[in-house]
Amino acid sequence: MSEQSTNDVAYRVVVNQRGQYSIWFVERALPGGWHEVAIPDDWLRGFNEKNDGGSSATSKQRCLAYIETVWTDMTPLPQ
């Protein structure tokens, strides 16, 4: 998939029971054990302000930036 075509794809942030984060296509069903994470409105406002209103930022960029903010310890939680 080209970078240009990925700009039109909608993503969401997901997390599993072990605290591992990822992004997932909005139009696809979540795999077992994964749950969608609601990105807080205040975080989105801050992201948009830092990125020229967010108009040029893709859904993927927003999701990855949020994960970078909240997933500070990549060690998985025990099962």
N, C-alpha and C. Protein backbone atom coordinates (compact mmCIF):
# COMPACT_ATOMS: atom_id res chain seq x y z
N MET A 1 0.85 -1.16 0.00
CA MET A 1 0.00 0.00 0.00
C MET A 1 0.89 1.23 0.00
N SER A 2 0.66 2.16 -0.90
CA SER A 2 1.49 3.35 -0.99
C SER A 2 1.18 4.30 0.14
N GLU A 3 2.12 5.22 0.44
CA GLU A 3 1.92 6.20 1.50
C GLU A 3 0.71 7.07 1.20
N GLN A 4 0.52 7.42 -0.08
CA GLN A 4 -0.62 8.25 -0.45
C GLN A 4 -1.94 7.55 -0.15
N SER A 5 -2.04 6.28 -0.48
CA SER A 5 -3.29 5.57 -0.24
C SER A 5 -3.53 5.31 1.24
N THR A 6 -2.48 5.25 2.07
CA THR A 6 -2.67 5.05 3.50
C THR A 6 -3.19 6.30 4.19
N ASN A 7 -3.07 7.47 3.56
CA ASN A 7 -3.58 8.70 4.16
C ASN A 7 -5.10 8.69 4.25
N ASP A 8 -5.76 7.93 3.41
CA ASP A 8 -7.22 7.88 3.39
C ASP A 8 -7.78 6.77 4.27
N VAL A 9 -6.93 5.97 4.87
CA VAL A 9 -7.36 4.84 5.69
C VAL A 9 -7.55 5.31 7.13
N ALA A 10 -8.65 4.91 7.75
CA ALA A 10 -8.91 5.27 9.15
C ALA A 10 -8.40 4.16 10.07
N TYR A 11 -7.71 4.57 11.11
CA TYR A 11 -7.16 3.64 12.10
C TYR A 11 -7.72 3.96 13.47
N ARG A 12 -7.56 3.00 14.38
CA ARG A 12 -7.90 3.20 15.78
C ARG A 12 -6.79 2.60 16.62
N VAL A 13 -6.67 3.07 17.85
CA VAL A 13 -5.68 2.54 18.80
C VAL A 13 -6.33 1.38 19.54
N VAL A 14 -5.58 0.30 19.67
CA VAL A 14 -6.06 -0.87 20.38
C VAL A 14 -5.03 -1.32 21.40
N VAL A 15 -5.48 -2.04 22.42
CA VAL A 15 -4.60 -2.55 23.46
C VAL A 15 -5.07 -3.96 23.83
N ASN A 16 -4.11 -4.81 24.21
CA ASN A 16 -4.49 -6.16 24.63
C ASN A 16 -4.34 -6.29 26.15
N GLN A 17 -4.62 -7.48 26.66
CA GLN A 17 -4.60 -7.71 28.11
C GLN A 17 -3.21 -7.55 28.72
N ARG A 18 -2.20 -7.65 27.89
CA ARG A 18 -0.83 -7.53 28.39
C ARG A 18 -0.32 -6.09 28.32
N GLY A 19 -1.21 -5.16 27.96
CA GLY A 19 -0.82 -3.76 27.91
C GLY A 19 -0.04 -3.37 26.68
N GLN A 20 -0.08 -4.19 25.65
CA GLN A 20 0.61 -3.89 24.40
C GLN A 20 -0.33 -3.12 23.47
N TYR A 21 0.16 -2.05 22.88
CA TYR A 21 -0.63 -1.20 22.01
C TYR A 21 -0.33 -1.47 20.55
N SER A 22 -1.31 -1.15 19.72
CA SER A 22 -1.14 -1.27 18.27
C SER A 22 -2.18 -0.36 17.61
N ILE A 23 -2.12 -0.31 16.28
CA ILE A 23 -3.18 0.36 15.53
C ILE A 23 -3.88 -0.70 14.69
N TRP A 24 -5.14 -0.43 14.38
CA TRP A 24 -5.96 -1.39 13.65
C TRP A 24 -6.88 -0.63 12.72
N PHE A 25 -7.13 -1.19 11.57
CA PHE A 25 -8.04 -0.57 10.61
C PHE A 25 -9.44 -0.47 11.21
N VAL A 26 -10.07 0.69 11.10
CA VAL A 26 -11.40 0.91 11.65
C VAL A 26 -12.42 -0.04 11.04
N GLU A 27 -12.30 -0.32 9.75
CA GLU A 27 -13.33 -1.13 9.08
C GLU A 27 -13.18 -2.63 9.35
N ARG A 28 -12.13 -3.03 10.04
CA ARG A 28 -11.95 -4.46 10.34
C ARG A 28 -12.35 -4.77 11.78
N ALA A 29 -12.90 -5.94 11.98
CA ALA A 29 -13.23 -6.39 13.33
C ALA A 29 -11.94 -6.59 14.12
N LEU A 30 -12.02 -6.28 15.40
CA LEU A 30 -10.84 -6.46 16.25
C LEU A 30 -10.56 -7.94 16.47
N PRO A 31 -9.29 -8.31 16.49
CA PRO A 31 -8.95 -9.70 16.80
C PRO A 31 -9.23 -9.98 18.28
N GLY A 32 -9.41 -11.23 18.61
CA GLY A 32 -9.68 -11.63 19.98
C GLY A 32 -8.62 -11.12 20.93
N GLY A 33 -9.06 -10.62 22.08
CA GLY A 33 -8.13 -10.16 23.10
C GLY A 33 -7.71 -8.71 22.96
N TRP A 34 -8.16 -8.02 21.94
CA TRP A 34 -7.82 -6.61 21.73
C TRP A 34 -9.05 -5.74 21.94
N HIS A 35 -8.84 -4.55 22.49
CA HIS A 35 -9.93 -3.61 22.78
C HIS A 35 -9.53 -2.23 22.28
N GLU A 36 -10.51 -1.50 21.78
CA GLU A 36 -10.24 -0.14 21.30
C GLU A 36 -9.99 0.79 22.48
N VAL A 37 -9.06 1.71 22.28
CA VAL A 37 -8.72 2.73 23.27
C VAL A 37 -9.31 4.05 22.79
N ALA A 38 -10.05 4.71 23.64
CA ALA A 38 -10.60 6.03 23.31
C ALA A 38 -9.51 7.08 23.56
N ILE A 39 -9.13 7.79 22.52
CA ILE A 39 -8.14 8.86 22.67
C ILE A 39 -8.86 10.06 23.29
N PRO A 40 -8.37 10.56 24.42
CA PRO A 40 -9.05 11.68 25.09
C PRO A 40 -9.10 12.93 24.21
N ASP A 41 -10.21 13.66 24.32
CA ASP A 41 -10.39 14.89 23.53
C ASP A 41 -9.29 15.91 23.79
N ASP A 42 -8.86 16.04 25.05
CA ASP A 42 -7.83 17.04 25.35
C ASP A 42 -6.51 16.67 24.68
N TRP A 43 -6.20 15.38 24.58
CA TRP A 43 -4.99 14.97 23.88
C TRP A 43 -5.10 15.30 22.39
N LEU A 44 -6.26 15.02 21.82
CA LEU A 44 -6.48 15.32 20.40
C LEU A 44 -6.36 16.81 20.11
N ARG A 45 -6.92 17.65 21.00
CA ARG A 45 -6.82 19.11 20.82
C ARG A 45 -5.36 19.53 20.83
N GLY A 46 -4.59 19.02 21.78
CA GLY A 46 -3.16 19.34 21.86
C GLY A 46 -2.41 18.87 20.63
N PHE A 47 -2.72 17.67 20.17
CA PHE A 47 -2.08 17.14 18.97
C PHE A 47 -2.40 18.02 17.77
N ASN A 48 -3.66 18.39 17.61
CA ASN A 48 -4.08 19.22 16.48
C ASN A 48 -3.41 20.58 16.51
N GLU A 49 -3.27 21.18 17.70
CA GLU A 49 -2.62 22.48 17.81
C GLU A 49 -1.15 22.40 17.41
N LYS A 50 -0.49 21.31 17.76
CA LYS A 50 0.93 21.13 17.41
C LYS A 50 1.12 20.79 15.94
N ASN A 51 0.08 20.34 15.28
CA ASN A 51 0.20 19.87 13.90
C ASN A 51 -0.70 20.66 12.94
N ASP A 52 -0.65 21.98 13.06
CA ASP A 52 -1.38 22.87 12.13
C ASP A 52 -2.86 22.50 12.02
N GLY A 53 -3.49 22.31 13.13
CA GLY A 53 -4.91 22.00 13.12
C GLY A 53 -5.22 20.56 12.80
N GLY A 54 -4.20 19.74 12.61
CA GLY A 54 -4.41 18.32 12.35
C GLY A 54 -4.86 18.01 10.94
N SER A 55 -5.00 19.04 10.10
CA SER A 55 -5.54 18.79 8.77
C SER A 55 -4.61 17.95 7.91
N SER A 56 -3.31 18.09 8.12
CA SER A 56 -2.37 17.31 7.31
C SER A 56 -1.99 15.99 7.97
N ALA A 57 -2.33 15.82 9.22
CA ALA A 57 -2.00 14.58 9.94
C ALA A 57 -3.00 13.49 9.57
N THR A 58 -2.49 12.33 9.32
CA THR A 58 -3.37 11.20 9.01
C THR A 58 -3.85 10.55 10.29
N SER A 59 -4.88 9.76 10.15
CA SER A 59 -5.39 8.97 11.27
C SER A 59 -4.26 8.10 11.83
N LYS A 60 -3.46 7.55 10.95
CA LYS A 60 -2.35 6.69 11.37
C LYS A 60 -1.35 7.49 12.19
N GLN A 61 -1.01 8.70 11.75
CA GLN A 61 -0.06 9.53 12.48
C GLN A 61 -0.58 9.88 13.87
N ARG A 62 -1.87 10.21 13.96
CA ARG A 62 -2.46 10.54 15.26
C ARG A 62 -2.40 9.33 16.19
N CYS A 63 -2.78 8.17 15.68
CA CYS A 63 -2.78 6.96 16.50
C CYS A 63 -1.38 6.61 16.98
N LEU A 64 -0.41 6.66 16.09
CA LEU A 64 0.96 6.33 16.48
C LEU A 64 1.52 7.34 17.48
N ALA A 65 1.19 8.62 17.30
CA ALA A 65 1.63 9.64 18.25
C ALA A 65 1.03 9.40 19.63
N TYR A 66 -0.24 9.02 19.67
CA TYR A 66 -0.89 8.74 20.96
C TYR A 66 -0.23 7.53 21.64
N ILE A 67 0.02 6.48 20.88
CA ILE A 67 0.67 5.30 21.45
C ILE A 67 2.03 5.67 22.01
N GLU A 68 2.77 6.49 21.29
CA GLU A 68 4.09 6.91 21.76
C GLU A 68 3.99 7.67 23.09
N THR A 69 2.90 8.40 23.26
CA THR A 69 2.69 9.17 24.48
C THR A 69 2.35 8.27 25.67
N VAL A 70 1.48 7.29 25.46
CA VAL A 70 0.96 6.51 26.60
C VAL A 70 1.69 5.19 26.86
N TRP A 71 2.33 4.64 25.85
CA TRP A 71 2.99 3.33 26.04
C TRP A 71 4.47 3.56 26.32
N THR A 72 4.77 3.87 27.56
CA THR A 72 6.14 4.22 27.92
C THR A 72 6.97 3.02 28.36
N ASP A 73 6.32 1.94 28.76
CA ASP A 73 7.02 0.72 29.17
C ASP A 73 6.57 -0.41 28.26
N MET A 74 7.46 -0.82 27.37
CA MET A 74 7.07 -1.83 26.38
C MET A 74 7.14 -3.26 26.91
N THR A 75 7.50 -3.42 28.18
CA THR A 75 7.53 -4.76 28.76
C THR A 75 6.08 -5.24 28.94
N PRO A 76 5.73 -6.37 28.31
CA PRO A 76 4.36 -6.85 28.46
C PRO A 76 4.03 -7.24 29.89
N LEU A 77 2.79 -7.00 30.26
CA LEU A 77 2.33 -7.44 31.58
C LEU A 77 2.29 -8.97 31.59
N PRO A 78 2.47 -9.61 32.74
CA PRO A 78 2.36 -11.06 32.80
C PRO A 78 0.95 -11.52 32.45
N GLN A 79 0.87 -12.74 31.96
CA GLN A 79 -0.44 -13.27 31.57
C GLN A 79 -1.24 -13.72 32.73
